[in-house]
All heavy atoms as atom14 arrays in JSON, in Angstrom:
{
  "sequence": "MVKGNPHSFLHVDRAEIDLDPSIDVHDKKVYEKARENLEKMIENEE",
  "atom14_mask": [
    [1, 1, 1, 1, 1, 1, 1, 1, 0, 0, 0, 0, 0, 0],
    [1, 1, 1, 1, 1, 1, 1, 0, 0, 0, 0, 0, 0, 0],
    [1, 1, 1, 1, 1, 1, 1, 1, 1, 0, 0, 0, 0, 0],
    [1, 1, 1, 1, 0, 0, 0, 0, 0, 0, 0, 0, 0, 0],
    [1, 1, 1, 1, 1, 1, 1, 1, 0, 0, 0, 0, 0, 0],
    [1, 1, 1, 1, 1, 1, 1, 0, 0, 0, 0, 0, 0, 0],
    [1, 1, 1, 1, 1, 1, 1, 1, 1, 1, 0, 0, 0, 0],
    [1, 1, 1, 1, 1, 1, 0, 0, 0, 0, 0, 0, 0, 0],
    [1, 1, 1, 1, 1, 1, 1, 1, 1, 1, 1, 0, 0, 0],
    [1, 1, 1, 1, 1, 1, 1, 1, 0, 0, 0, 0, 0, 0],
    [1, 1, 1, 1, 1, 1, 1, 1, 1, 1, 0, 0, 0, 0],
    [1, 1, 1, 1, 1, 1, 1, 0, 0, 0, 0, 0, 0, 0],
    [1, 1, 1, 1, 1, 1, 1, 1, 0, 0, 0, 0, 0, 0],
    [1, 1, 1, 1, 1, 1, 1, 1, 1, 1, 1, 0, 0, 0],
    [1, 1, 1, 1, 1, 0, 0, 0, 0, 0, 0, 0, 0, 0],
    [1, 1, 1, 1, 1, 1, 1, 1, 1, 0, 0, 0, 0, 0],
    [1, 1, 1, 1, 1, 1, 1, 1, 0, 0, 0, 0, 0, 0],
    [1, 1, 1, 1, 1, 1, 1, 1, 0, 0, 0, 0, 0, 0],
    [1, 1, 1, 1, 1, 1, 1, 1, 0, 0, 0, 0, 0, 0],
    [1, 1, 1, 1, 1, 1, 1, 1, 0, 0, 0, 0, 0, 0],
    [1, 1, 1, 1, 1, 1, 1, 0, 0, 0, 0, 0, 0, 0],
    [1, 1, 1, 1, 1, 1, 0, 0, 0, 0, 0, 0, 0, 0],
    [1, 1, 1, 1, 1, 1, 1, 1, 0, 0, 0, 0, 0, 0],
    [1, 1, 1, 1, 1, 1, 1, 1, 0, 0, 0, 0, 0, 0],
    [1, 1, 1, 1, 1, 1, 1, 0, 0, 0, 0, 0, 0, 0],
    [1, 1, 1, 1, 1, 1, 1, 1, 1, 1, 0, 0, 0, 0],
    [1, 1, 1, 1, 1, 1, 1, 1, 0, 0, 0, 0, 0, 0],
    [1, 1, 1, 1, 1, 1, 1, 1, 1, 0, 0, 0, 0, 0],
    [1, 1, 1, 1, 1, 1, 1, 1, 1, 0, 0, 0, 0, 0],
    [1, 1, 1, 1, 1, 1, 1, 0, 0, 0, 0, 0, 0, 0],
    [1, 1, 1, 1, 1, 1, 1, 1, 1, 1, 1, 1, 0, 0],
    [1, 1, 1, 1, 1, 1, 1, 1, 1, 0, 0, 0, 0, 0],
    [1, 1, 1, 1, 1, 1, 1, 1, 1, 0, 0, 0, 0, 0],
    [1, 1, 1, 1, 1, 0, 0, 0, 0, 0, 0, 0, 0, 0],
    [1, 1, 1, 1, 1, 1, 1, 1, 1, 1, 1, 0, 0, 0],
    [1, 1, 1, 1, 1, 1, 1, 1, 1, 0, 0, 0, 0, 0],
    [1, 1, 1, 1, 1, 1, 1, 1, 0, 0, 0, 0, 0, 0],
    [1, 1, 1, 1, 1, 1, 1, 1, 0, 0, 0, 0, 0, 0],
    [1, 1, 1, 1, 1, 1, 1, 1, 1, 0, 0, 0, 0, 0],
    [1, 1, 1, 1, 1, 1, 1, 1, 1, 0, 0, 0, 0, 0],
    [1, 1, 1, 1, 1, 1, 1, 1, 0, 0, 0, 0, 0, 0],
    [1, 1, 1, 1, 1, 1, 1, 1, 0, 0, 0, 0, 0, 0],
    [1, 1, 1, 1, 1, 1, 1, 1, 1, 0, 0, 0, 0, 0],
    [1, 1, 1, 1, 1, 1, 1, 1, 0, 0, 0, 0, 0, 0],
    [1, 1, 1, 1, 1, 1, 1, 1, 1, 0, 0, 0, 0, 0],
    [1, 1, 1, 1, 1, 1, 1, 1, 1, 0, 0, 0, 0, 0]
  ],
  "atom14_positions": [
    [[-26.86, 13.77, 6.26], [-26.42, 12.67, 5.4], [-25.05, 12.11, 5.78], [-24.78, 10.94, 5.54], [-26.41, 13.13, 3.93], [-27.79, 13.37, 3.37], [-27.77, 14.28, 1.82], [-27.69, 12.98, 0.64], [0.0, 0.0, 0.0], [0.0, 0.0, 0.0], [0.0, 0.0, 0.0], [0.0, 0.0, 0.0], [0.0, 0.0, 0.0], [0.0, 0.0, 0.0]],
    [[-24.2, 12.94, 6.37], [-22.84, 12.48, 6.69], [-22.72, 11.9, 8.1], [-21.65, 11.43, 8.48], [-21.78, 13.59, 6.51], [-21.79, 14.13, 5.1], [-21.98, 14.72, 7.52], [0.0, 0.0, 0.0], [0.0, 0.0, 0.0], [0.0, 0.0, 0.0], [0.0, 0.0, 0.0], [0.0, 0.0, 0.0], [0.0, 0.0, 0.0], [0.0, 0.0, 0.0]],
    [[-23.81, 11.94, 8.84], [-23.73, 11.42, 10.22], [-23.27, 9.97, 10.2], [-23.84, 9.13, 9.5], [-25.09, 11.55, 10.92], [-25.33, 12.96, 11.45], [-26.62, 13.07, 12.23], [-26.77, 14.48, 12.81], [-28.1, 14.69, 13.39], [0.0, 0.0, 0.0], [0.0, 0.0, 0.0], [0.0, 0.0, 0.0], [0.0, 0.0, 0.0], [0.0, 0.0, 0.0]],
    [[-22.22, 9.67, 10.96], [-21.69, 8.31, 11.02], [-20.83, 7.93, 9.84], [-20.42, 6.78, 9.71], [0.0, 0.0, 0.0], [0.0, 0.0, 0.0], [0.0, 0.0, 0.0], [0.0, 0.0, 0.0], [0.0, 0.0, 0.0], [0.0, 0.0, 0.0], [0.0, 0.0, 0.0], [0.0, 0.0, 0.0], [0.0, 0.0, 0.0], [0.0, 0.0, 0.0]],
    [[-20.55, 8.88, 8.95], [-19.71, 8.58, 7.79], [-18.66, 9.67, 7.58], [-18.88, 10.61, 6.81], [-20.56, 8.41, 6.53], [-19.72, 8.01, 5.31], [-18.53, 7.7, 5.44], [-20.32, 8.02, 4.14], [0.0, 0.0, 0.0], [0.0, 0.0, 0.0], [0.0, 0.0, 0.0], [0.0, 0.0, 0.0], [0.0, 0.0, 0.0], [0.0, 0.0, 0.0]],
    [[-17.5, 9.55, 8.24], [-16.45, 10.56, 8.09], [-15.82, 10.57, 6.71], [-15.1, 11.5, 6.35], [-15.43, 10.16, 9.15], [-15.63, 8.69, 9.34], [-17.11, 8.46, 9.14], [0.0, 0.0, 0.0], [0.0, 0.0, 0.0], [0.0, 0.0, 0.0], [0.0, 0.0, 0.0], [0.0, 0.0, 0.0], [0.0, 0.0, 0.0], [0.0, 0.0, 0.0]],
    [[-16.11, 9.52, 5.89], [-15.47, 9.41, 4.57], [-16.28, 10.1, 3.47], [-15.77, 10.27, 2.36], [-15.29, 7.93, 4.2], [-14.49, 7.15, 5.2], [-13.14, 7.34, 5.38], [-14.87, 6.2, 6.09], [-12.71, 6.52, 6.33], [-13.74, 5.82, 6.78], [0.0, 0.0, 0.0], [0.0, 0.0, 0.0], [0.0, 0.0, 0.0], [0.0, 0.0, 0.0]],
    [[-17.52, 10.49, 3.73], [-18.38, 11.03, 2.68], [-17.72, 12.21, 1.97], [-17.13, 13.1, 2.6], [-19.72, 11.5, 3.26], [-20.45, 12.21, 2.27], [0.0, 0.0, 0.0], [0.0, 0.0, 0.0], [0.0, 0.0, 0.0], [0.0, 0.0, 0.0], [0.0, 0.0, 0.0], [0.0, 0.0, 0.0], [0.0, 0.0, 0.0], [0.0, 0.0, 0.0]],
    [[-17.86, 12.22, 0.63], [-17.27, 13.3, -0.16], [-17.98, 14.64, 0.08], [-17.48, 15.69, -0.35], [-17.28, 12.96, -1.65], [-16.28, 13.75, -2.43], [-14.92, 13.54, -2.28], [-16.69, 14.73, -3.33], [-13.98, 14.29, -2.99], [-15.77, 15.48, -4.04], [-14.4, 15.25, -3.87], [0.0, 0.0, 0.0], [0.0, 0.0, 0.0], [0.0, 0.0, 0.0]],
    [[-19.12, 14.61, 0.76], [-19.78, 15.87, 1.1], [-18.9, 16.71, 2.03], [-19.08, 17.93, 2.11], [-21.14, 15.6, 1.76], [-22.22, 15.03, 0.83], [-23.5, 14.74, 1.59], [-22.5, 15.98, -0.34], [0.0, 0.0, 0.0], [0.0, 0.0, 0.0], [0.0, 0.0, 0.0], [0.0, 0.0, 0.0], [0.0, 0.0, 0.0], [0.0, 0.0, 0.0]],
    [[-17.94, 16.09, 2.71], [-16.99, 16.86, 3.54], [-16.11, 17.75, 2.65], [-15.52, 18.72, 3.15], [-16.12, 15.91, 4.37], [-16.87, 15.21, 5.46], [-17.29, 15.85, 6.61], [-17.29, 13.93, 5.56], [-17.94, 14.98, 7.38], [-17.96, 13.81, 6.76], [0.0, 0.0, 0.0], [0.0, 0.0, 0.0], [0.0, 0.0, 0.0], [0.0, 0.0, 0.0]],
    [[-16.05, 17.43, 1.35], [-15.32, 18.27, 0.39], [-16.3, 19.17, -0.36], [-16.14, 20.38, -0.43], [-14.51, 17.41, -0.61], [-13.84, 18.29, -1.67], [-13.46, 16.58, 0.14], [0.0, 0.0, 0.0], [0.0, 0.0, 0.0], [0.0, 0.0, 0.0], [0.0, 0.0, 0.0], [0.0, 0.0, 0.0], [0.0, 0.0, 0.0], [0.0, 0.0, 0.0]],
    [[-17.33, 18.56, -0.94], [-18.26, 19.31, -1.8], [-19.22, 20.21, -1.03], [-19.77, 21.15, -1.59], [-19.07, 18.33, -2.67], [-18.48, 18.18, -4.06], [-17.46, 18.82, -4.34], [-19.04, 17.41, -4.86], [0.0, 0.0, 0.0], [0.0, 0.0, 0.0], [0.0, 0.0, 0.0], [0.0, 0.0, 0.0], [0.0, 0.0, 0.0], [0.0, 0.0, 0.0]],
    [[-19.41, 19.9, 0.26], [-20.27, 20.72, 1.13], [-19.52, 20.97, 2.43], [-20.01, 20.66, 3.52], [-21.59, 19.97, 1.41], [-22.62, 20.11, 0.32], [-23.35, 21.42, 0.5], [-24.48, 21.59, -0.42], [-25.23, 22.68, -0.43], [-24.99, 23.66, 0.42], [-26.2, 22.8, -1.27], [0.0, 0.0, 0.0], [0.0, 0.0, 0.0], [0.0, 0.0, 0.0]],
    [[-18.33, 21.55, 2.31], [-17.42, 21.63, 3.46], [-17.96, 22.47, 4.61], [-17.47, 22.37, 5.75], [-16.06, 22.19, 3.01], [0.0, 0.0, 0.0], [0.0, 0.0, 0.0], [0.0, 0.0, 0.0], [0.0, 0.0, 0.0], [0.0, 0.0, 0.0], [0.0, 0.0, 0.0], [0.0, 0.0, 0.0], [0.0, 0.0, 0.0], [0.0, 0.0, 0.0]],
    [[-19.0, 23.27, 4.37], [-19.58, 24.06, 5.47], [-20.13, 23.17, 6.58], [-20.31, 23.63, 7.7], [-20.67, 25.01, 4.94], [-21.97, 24.35, 4.54], [-22.03, 23.94, 3.08], [-20.95, 23.87, 2.44], [-23.13, 23.67, 2.57], [0.0, 0.0, 0.0], [0.0, 0.0, 0.0], [0.0, 0.0, 0.0], [0.0, 0.0, 0.0], [0.0, 0.0, 0.0]],
    [[-20.38, 21.88, 6.26], [-20.93, 20.97, 7.28], [-19.92, 20.71, 8.4], [-20.31, 20.24, 9.48], [-21.39, 19.62, 6.67], [-20.2, 18.86, 6.05], [-22.5, 19.84, 5.66], [-20.55, 17.5, 5.47], [0.0, 0.0, 0.0], [0.0, 0.0, 0.0], [0.0, 0.0, 0.0], [0.0, 0.0, 0.0], [0.0, 0.0, 0.0], [0.0, 0.0, 0.0]],
    [[-18.64, 21.02, 8.16], [-17.61, 20.83, 9.19], [-17.26, 22.14, 9.89], [-16.26, 22.21, 10.61], [-16.35, 20.21, 8.56], [-16.6, 18.79, 8.09], [-17.4, 18.1, 8.73], [-16.0, 18.38, 7.08], [0.0, 0.0, 0.0], [0.0, 0.0, 0.0], [0.0, 0.0, 0.0], [0.0, 0.0, 0.0], [0.0, 0.0, 0.0], [0.0, 0.0, 0.0]],
    [[-18.07, 23.16, 9.65], [-17.85, 24.47, 10.27], [-19.1, 24.85, 11.06], [-20.16, 24.22, 10.93], [-17.56, 25.52, 9.2], [-16.3, 25.3, 8.35], [-16.27, 26.28, 7.2], [-15.03, 25.45, 9.2], [0.0, 0.0, 0.0], [0.0, 0.0, 0.0], [0.0, 0.0, 0.0], [0.0, 0.0, 0.0], [0.0, 0.0, 0.0], [0.0, 0.0, 0.0]],
    [[-18.99, 25.9, 11.84], [-20.14, 26.38, 12.61], [-21.26, 26.78, 11.65], [-21.01, 27.47, 10.64], [-19.71, 27.6, 13.45], [-20.79, 28.0, 14.45], [-21.82, 28.55, 14.01], [-20.61, 27.73, 15.65], [0.0, 0.0, 0.0], [0.0, 0.0, 0.0], [0.0, 0.0, 0.0], [0.0, 0.0, 0.0], [0.0, 0.0, 0.0], [0.0, 0.0, 0.0]],
    [[-22.5, 26.35, 11.92], [-23.62, 26.68, 11.02], [-23.84, 28.17, 10.8], [-24.48, 28.57, 9.83], [-24.85, 26.07, 11.74], [-24.28, 25.0, 12.62], [-22.92, 25.48, 13.03], [0.0, 0.0, 0.0], [0.0, 0.0, 0.0], [0.0, 0.0, 0.0], [0.0, 0.0, 0.0], [0.0, 0.0, 0.0], [0.0, 0.0, 0.0], [0.0, 0.0, 0.0]],
    [[-23.29, 29.01, 11.68], [-23.47, 30.46, 11.52], [-22.6, 31.02, 10.38], [-22.82, 32.14, 9.92], [-23.13, 31.18, 12.82], [-21.75, 31.01, 13.13], [0.0, 0.0, 0.0], [0.0, 0.0, 0.0], [0.0, 0.0, 0.0], [0.0, 0.0, 0.0], [0.0, 0.0, 0.0], [0.0, 0.0, 0.0], [0.0, 0.0, 0.0], [0.0, 0.0, 0.0]],
    [[-21.6, 30.24, 9.94], [-20.7, 30.72, 8.87], [-21.41, 30.64, 7.52], [-22.02, 29.62, 7.18], [-19.4, 29.89, 8.85], [-18.58, 30.19, 10.12], [-18.55, 30.21, 7.61], [-17.37, 29.32, 10.32], [0.0, 0.0, 0.0], [0.0, 0.0, 0.0], [0.0, 0.0, 0.0], [0.0, 0.0, 0.0], [0.0, 0.0, 0.0], [0.0, 0.0, 0.0]],
    [[-21.37, 31.72, 6.77], [-22.02, 31.78, 5.46], [-21.42, 30.72, 4.53], [-20.21, 30.5, 4.53], [-21.83, 33.17, 4.85], [-22.61, 33.32, 3.55], [-23.79, 33.67, 3.61], [-22.02, 33.06, 2.48], [0.0, 0.0, 0.0], [0.0, 0.0, 0.0], [0.0, 0.0, 0.0], [0.0, 0.0, 0.0], [0.0, 0.0, 0.0], [0.0, 0.0, 0.0]],
    [[-22.29, 30.06, 3.73], [-21.81, 28.96, 2.87], [-20.84, 29.44, 1.79], [-20.13, 28.64, 1.19], [-22.99, 28.21, 2.2], [-23.81, 27.48, 3.24], [-23.84, 29.13, 1.35], [0.0, 0.0, 0.0], [0.0, 0.0, 0.0], [0.0, 0.0, 0.0], [0.0, 0.0, 0.0], [0.0, 0.0, 0.0], [0.0, 0.0, 0.0], [0.0, 0.0, 0.0]],
    [[-20.8, 30.77, 1.54], [-19.86, 31.29, 0.54], [-18.65, 31.97, 1.18], [-17.87, 32.63, 0.49], [-20.59, 32.28, -0.38], [-21.73, 31.66, -1.13], [-23.0, 32.19, -1.16], [-21.8, 30.52, -1.85], [-23.79, 31.42, -1.88], [-23.09, 30.4, -2.3], [0.0, 0.0, 0.0], [0.0, 0.0, 0.0], [0.0, 0.0, 0.0], [0.0, 0.0, 0.0]],
    [[-18.5, 31.79, 2.47], [-17.34, 32.35, 3.17], [-16.06, 31.65, 2.71], [-16.06, 30.45, 2.43], [-17.53, 32.16, 4.69], [-16.54, 32.98, 5.5], [-15.34, 32.61, 5.53], [-16.96, 33.98, 6.13], [0.0, 0.0, 0.0], [0.0, 0.0, 0.0], [0.0, 0.0, 0.0], [0.0, 0.0, 0.0], [0.0, 0.0, 0.0], [0.0, 0.0, 0.0]],
    [[-14.98, 32.41, 2.68], [-13.67, 31.88, 2.28], [-13.3, 30.64, 3.1], [-12.66, 29.69, 2.6], [-12.63, 33.0, 2.49], [-11.21, 32.65, 2.11], [-10.29, 33.83, 2.41], [-8.83, 33.43, 2.19], [-7.9, 34.52, 2.59], [0.0, 0.0, 0.0], [0.0, 0.0, 0.0], [0.0, 0.0, 0.0], [0.0, 0.0, 0.0], [0.0, 0.0, 0.0]],
    [[-13.73, 30.62, 4.37], [-13.39, 29.49, 5.25], [-13.95, 28.18, 4.73], [-13.38, 27.11, 4.96], [-13.94, 29.76, 6.66], [-13.24, 30.86, 7.42], [-13.96, 31.15, 8.73], [-13.33, 32.37, 9.43], [-14.17, 32.85, 10.53], [0.0, 0.0, 0.0], [0.0, 0.0, 0.0], [0.0, 0.0, 0.0], [0.0, 0.0, 0.0], [0.0, 0.0, 0.0]],
    [[-15.09, 28.23, 4.03], [-15.71, 27.02, 3.5], [-14.83, 26.41, 2.42], [-14.59, 25.19, 2.39], [-17.13, 27.31, 2.95], [-17.73, 26.07, 2.28], [-18.03, 27.81, 4.06], [0.0, 0.0, 0.0], [0.0, 0.0, 0.0], [0.0, 0.0, 0.0], [0.0, 0.0, 0.0], [0.0, 0.0, 0.0], [0.0, 0.0, 0.0], [0.0, 0.0, 0.0]],
    [[-14.3, 27.26, 1.53], [-13.46, 26.76, 0.44], [-12.11, 26.27, 0.98], [-11.57, 25.27, 0.49], [-13.28, 27.85, -0.62], [-14.61, 28.39, -1.1], [-14.99, 29.71, -0.83], [-15.52, 27.58, -1.77], [-16.23, 30.2, -1.23], [-16.76, 28.06, -2.17], [-17.11, 29.37, -1.9], [-18.35, 29.84, -2.29], [0.0, 0.0, 0.0], [0.0, 0.0, 0.0]],
    [[-11.6, 26.96, 1.98], [-10.36, 26.51, 2.62], [-10.56, 25.15, 3.29], [-9.68, 24.28, 3.23], [-9.87, 27.54, 3.65], [-9.35, 28.81, 3.01], [-9.06, 29.92, 4.03], [-9.6, 29.88, 5.16], [-8.3, 30.85, 3.66], [0.0, 0.0, 0.0], [0.0, 0.0, 0.0], [0.0, 0.0, 0.0], [0.0, 0.0, 0.0], [0.0, 0.0, 0.0]],
    [[-11.73, 24.97, 3.89], [-12.04, 23.69, 4.55], [-12.17, 22.58, 3.52], [-11.73, 21.44, 3.76], [-13.33, 23.83, 5.36], [-13.61, 22.65, 6.29], [-12.57, 22.57, 7.4], [-12.82, 21.44, 8.36], [-11.73, 21.28, 9.34], [0.0, 0.0, 0.0], [0.0, 0.0, 0.0], [0.0, 0.0, 0.0], [0.0, 0.0, 0.0], [0.0, 0.0, 0.0]],
    [[-12.75, 22.89, 2.38], [-12.88, 21.9, 1.3], [-11.5, 21.42, 0.87], [-11.25, 20.22, 0.73], [-13.63, 22.5, 0.12], [0.0, 0.0, 0.0], [0.0, 0.0, 0.0], [0.0, 0.0, 0.0], [0.0, 0.0, 0.0], [0.0, 0.0, 0.0], [0.0, 0.0, 0.0], [0.0, 0.0, 0.0], [0.0, 0.0, 0.0], [0.0, 0.0, 0.0]],
    [[-10.59, 22.38, 0.65], [-9.22, 22.02, 0.25], [-8.54, 21.18, 1.33], [-7.93, 20.16, 1.04], [-8.41, 23.3, -0.01], [-6.94, 23.04, -0.37], [-6.24, 24.33, -0.75], [-6.28, 25.29, 0.34], [-6.15, 26.61, 0.17], [-6.0, 27.11, -1.04], [-6.19, 27.43, 1.21], [0.0, 0.0, 0.0], [0.0, 0.0, 0.0], [0.0, 0.0, 0.0]],
    [[-8.69, 21.62, 2.57], [-8.07, 20.89, 3.69], [-8.6, 19.46, 3.78], [-7.83, 18.5, 3.95], [-8.39, 21.65, 5.0], [-7.84, 21.0, 6.26], [-8.47, 21.61, 7.52], [-8.65, 22.86, 7.57], [-8.8, 20.85, 8.44], [0.0, 0.0, 0.0], [0.0, 0.0, 0.0], [0.0, 0.0, 0.0], [0.0, 0.0, 0.0], [0.0, 0.0, 0.0]],
    [[-9.92, 19.3, 3.64], [-10.53, 17.97, 3.74], [-10.09, 17.07, 2.59], [-9.83, 15.87, 2.79], [-12.05, 18.07, 3.78], [-12.57, 18.58, 5.12], [-11.82, 18.66, 6.08], [-13.84, 18.92, 5.17], [0.0, 0.0, 0.0], [0.0, 0.0, 0.0], [0.0, 0.0, 0.0], [0.0, 0.0, 0.0], [0.0, 0.0, 0.0], [0.0, 0.0, 0.0]],
    [[-10.01, 17.65, 1.38], [-9.56, 16.86, 0.23], [-8.12, 16.41, 0.41], [-7.79, 15.23, 0.2], [-9.71, 17.68, -1.06], [-9.24, 16.99, -2.36], [-10.0, 15.68, -2.6], [-9.41, 17.93, -3.55], [0.0, 0.0, 0.0], [0.0, 0.0, 0.0], [0.0, 0.0, 0.0], [0.0, 0.0, 0.0], [0.0, 0.0, 0.0], [0.0, 0.0, 0.0]],
    [[-7.25, 17.35, 0.82], [-5.83, 17.0, 1.03], [-5.68, 15.94, 2.11], [-4.85, 15.03, 2.0], [-5.03, 18.26, 1.38], [-4.84, 19.19, 0.17], [-4.22, 20.53, 0.54], [-4.04, 20.8, 1.76], [-3.92, 21.3, -0.4], [0.0, 0.0, 0.0], [0.0, 0.0, 0.0], [0.0, 0.0, 0.0], [0.0, 0.0, 0.0], [0.0, 0.0, 0.0]],
    [[-6.51, 16.05, 3.15], [-6.44, 15.08, 4.25], [-6.84, 13.68, 3.76], [-6.22, 12.68, 4.12], [-7.38, 15.53, 5.38], [-7.08, 14.83, 6.73], [-8.19, 15.07, 7.75], [-8.4, 16.55, 8.04], [-9.54, 16.78, 8.96], [0.0, 0.0, 0.0], [0.0, 0.0, 0.0], [0.0, 0.0, 0.0], [0.0, 0.0, 0.0], [0.0, 0.0, 0.0]],
    [[-7.89, 13.6, 2.93], [-8.33, 12.31, 2.41], [-7.24, 11.66, 1.55], [-7.04, 10.44, 1.59], [-9.62, 12.48, 1.59], [-10.82, 12.84, 2.44], [-12.29, 13.21, 1.44], [-13.05, 11.59, 1.3], [0.0, 0.0, 0.0], [0.0, 0.0, 0.0], [0.0, 0.0, 0.0], [0.0, 0.0, 0.0], [0.0, 0.0, 0.0], [0.0, 0.0, 0.0]],
    [[-6.53, 12.49, 0.78], [-5.45, 11.96, -0.06], [-4.28, 11.52, 0.82], [-3.72, 10.43, 0.64], [-5.02, 13.02, -1.11], [-6.18, 13.26, -2.1], [-3.76, 12.57, -1.85], [-6.0, 14.45, -3.02], [0.0, 0.0, 0.0], [0.0, 0.0, 0.0], [0.0, 0.0, 0.0], [0.0, 0.0, 0.0], [0.0, 0.0, 0.0], [0.0, 0.0, 0.0]],
    [[-3.91, 12.36, 1.79], [-2.81, 12.02, 2.71], [-3.11, 10.75, 3.51], [-2.22, 9.94, 3.77], [-2.55, 13.18, 3.69], [-1.77, 14.33, 3.09], [-1.85, 15.59, 3.96], [-2.15, 15.46, 5.17], [-1.62, 16.68, 3.42], [0.0, 0.0, 0.0], [0.0, 0.0, 0.0], [0.0, 0.0, 0.0], [0.0, 0.0, 0.0], [0.0, 0.0, 0.0]],
    [[-4.37, 10.59, 3.9], [-4.77, 9.41, 4.68], [-4.91, 8.15, 3.84], [-5.36, 7.11, 4.33], [-6.1, 9.67, 5.4], [-5.97, 10.69, 6.51], [-4.87, 11.03, 6.93], [-7.1, 11.19, 7.0], [0.0, 0.0, 0.0], [0.0, 0.0, 0.0], [0.0, 0.0, 0.0], [0.0, 0.0, 0.0], [0.0, 0.0, 0.0], [0.0, 0.0, 0.0]],
    [[-4.56, 8.29, 2.57], [-4.6, 7.17, 1.63], [-6.0, 6.58, 1.46], [-6.16, 5.39, 1.21], [-3.57, 6.09, 2.02], [-2.15, 6.63, 1.98], [-1.09, 5.58, 2.29], [-1.44, 4.48, 2.75], [0.09, 5.88, 2.06], [0.0, 0.0, 0.0], [0.0, 0.0, 0.0], [0.0, 0.0, 0.0], [0.0, 0.0, 0.0], [0.0, 0.0, 0.0]],
    [[-7.0, 7.45, 1.6], [-8.35, 7.05, 1.23], [-8.47, 7.06, -0.3], [-9.37, 6.47, -0.86], [-9.38, 8.0, 1.84], [-9.43, 7.93, 3.37], [-10.33, 8.99, 3.97], [-11.5, 9.1, 3.53], [-9.88, 9.71, 4.89], [0.0, 0.0, 0.0], [0.0, 0.0, 0.0], [0.0, 0.0, 0.0], [0.0, 0.0, 0.0], [0.0, 0.0, 0.0]]
  ]
}
């Protein structure tokens, strides 16, 4: 769903899509990525 759309909020709500598919969806890295993506969207003035 996010192909061709770097702005989609799924990059926050489904942050595992920006990580290797082998990483478990409940891994700490997924939540850290969600925070990082949200902060980046705010910093980028989206």
